[in-house]
């Protein structure tokens, strides 16, 4: 859903607040990284990539006035995050990568998109939570910090973070073996007869987020619901490419529908992406009128000098470890 929204933004059809770190111009890279946004970063607005990025003055994002307002926000007033990355509220996020660690605010996801396999059989394979930077374990933040100063990494070290390898400061891939704790069997993949896809928007979860006043809260919650509707519609139009040789295709004669659960039970056919985009734009207009913050243009950052060095060292480590 986030990929679909980002594609809509990059084509100029949609404007949603987000933060983007541009790695172009980093010297020593063997493979271009491009731009990484909070739609792609695993921890969204609180991801280590954005944490270790700086503004035009060289200040780390969490230490800027805007970044501090994001870190200090909570469910009682999430206005600051709404104006910077509403998707981080909708899809869920947790400020676990900064100096506050486990005390960082947690925002539960308000929308879930699921694929349910019917008559499935397990297969043995592993998986990863992918780091967009593909940071190598051999690239040591500790060694980098010994050779240069970095305000954010020093704060992390002083707060008790172990920075011997990238995982200590939440960089790098996380392997998922898919191993069942009881049987020890691997179950990283399956084969099945067919798949059912469903998307659920939780209005009770949205109502737990507040934005300064009842009117502002209603307007912001409406925008978040509209983003979810639009992402779902984009998914249907875009289609689902699950992995190599595995696409999810809607059966002939099947229509995509929304059903109200726990209420009237009314069933309505899913609107086209053109219609949901118009609904979202109207909701955004109403939110702005209610006084909610909204950045139509992305907040653009650059990687800090330490992050640049980490990425370059990581790519060199991957190169040196590859077979001849």
Foldseek 3Di string as FASTA:
>chain_A
DLVLVVVCVVVVNDFAAWAKAAAPPLPQDPDHLGIDILSRAPQRPQHLQQQQWAAPVQHRQCPDPLNVVCQPDELAANLSCRAHPLVCQQQWHWNQLALCHPVTYTHHHQKDKDKDFAAKDFDFDKDKDAASLQFDFPLFLVVLCVVDPDPRVVSNVVSPFDRRGPVSNPGHMDIGRCADPVPRGHGPDIDHDAIDIDMDGHLVSLLSHDHDDPQLSVLSSQLSVLVSLLSVLSCLVVFADPDVPDTHDDDPPDFAWDFDPPPPRDIDTRDHSVVSSVSNVVSVVSNVVVVRRHDRDYRYTYRRPSVSSSSSVRSVVVVVPDDD
